[in-house]
Protein backbone atom coordinates (compact mmCIF):
# COMPACT_ATOMS: atom_id res chain seq x y z
CA UNK A 1 7.15 63.64 -3.67
CA UNK A 2 10.15 64.33 -2.08
CA UNK A 3 9.70 61.07 -0.40
CA UNK A 4 10.02 59.17 -3.34
CA UNK A 5 12.77 61.35 -4.98
CA UNK A 6 15.15 60.90 -2.06
CA UNK A 7 14.74 57.37 -1.97
CA UNK A 8 15.31 57.83 -6.30
CA UNK A 9 18.34 59.47 -5.32
CA UNK A 10 19.72 56.29 -3.31
CA UNK A 11 19.27 54.36 -6.28
CA UNK A 12 21.87 56.00 -7.79
CA UNK A 13 24.06 54.85 -5.31
CA UNK A 14 26.28 51.47 -6.44
CA UNK A 15 24.71 48.27 -5.21
CA UNK A 16 27.28 47.40 -2.48
CA UNK A 17 27.04 50.61 -0.73
CA UNK A 18 23.38 50.60 -0.61
CA UNK A 19 24.01 47.26 0.52
CA UNK A 20 25.49 48.66 2.89
CA UNK A 21 23.29 51.06 4.46
CA UNK A 22 20.80 49.87 3.69
CA UNK A 23 20.88 46.32 4.04
CA UNK A 24 17.16 44.52 3.79
CA UNK A 25 15.26 47.01 4.46
CA UNK A 26 15.88 48.78 0.30
CA UNK A 27 14.03 46.35 -0.79
CA UNK A 28 10.71 48.15 1.25
CA UNK A 29 11.94 51.02 1.00
CA UNK A 30 12.45 50.56 -3.26
CA UNK A 31 8.43 49.61 -2.72
CA UNK A 32 7.87 52.24 -0.89
CA UNK A 33 9.10 54.85 -3.86
CA UNK A 34 7.19 52.53 -6.40
CA UNK A 35 4.07 52.98 -4.94
CA UNK A 36 4.03 56.49 -4.10
CA UNK A 37 5.49 57.26 -7.41
CA UNK A 38 3.02 55.22 -9.55
CA UNK A 39 0.00 55.05 -7.39
CA UNK A 40 -0.08 58.03 -5.12
CA UNK A 41 -3.07 58.91 -5.26
CA UNK A 42 -3.64 55.77 -3.30
CA UNK A 43 -1.22 55.82 -0.31
CA UNK A 44 -2.39 56.42 2.22
CA UNK A 45 -0.85 60.14 4.26
CA UNK A 46 -1.05 58.09 7.29
CA UNK A 47 1.52 55.59 6.65
CA UNK A 48 4.13 58.28 4.63
CA UNK A 49 3.41 60.49 7.96
CA UNK A 50 5.06 57.60 10.27
CA UNK A 51 7.68 56.83 7.27
CA UNK A 52 8.86 60.17 7.59
CA UNK A 53 8.84 60.10 11.51
CA UNK A 54 9.96 56.56 11.98
CA UNK A 55 11.99 55.25 9.46
CA UNK A 56 13.47 58.67 7.58
CA UNK A 57 15.81 59.08 10.39
CA UNK A 58 17.84 56.19 10.78
CA UNK A 59 17.77 56.67 6.93
CA UNK A 60 19.36 59.54 7.41
CA UNK A 61 22.01 58.83 10.13
CA UNK A 62 22.92 55.87 7.49
CA UNK A 63 23.76 58.47 4.52
CA UNK A 64 25.56 60.47 7.47
CA UNK A 65 27.78 57.43 9.03
CA UNK A 66 28.97 57.17 4.87
CA UNK A 67 30.28 60.26 4.49
CA UNK A 68 32.61 60.50 8.24
């Protein structure tokens, strides 16, 4: 649920900033949030674990770069 909450927070960015930071990946990211938030009983824990390991670090890097 924390992953979902983090993506929800990123949705609050203005569109231009979000597009600059995440580009074409944003719709996929938002889709993941929707799947977690609305179908959490059906979410595969392995997929979430892989997402956290492989996809979250570049997201954090993009956020840090935007703050610099």
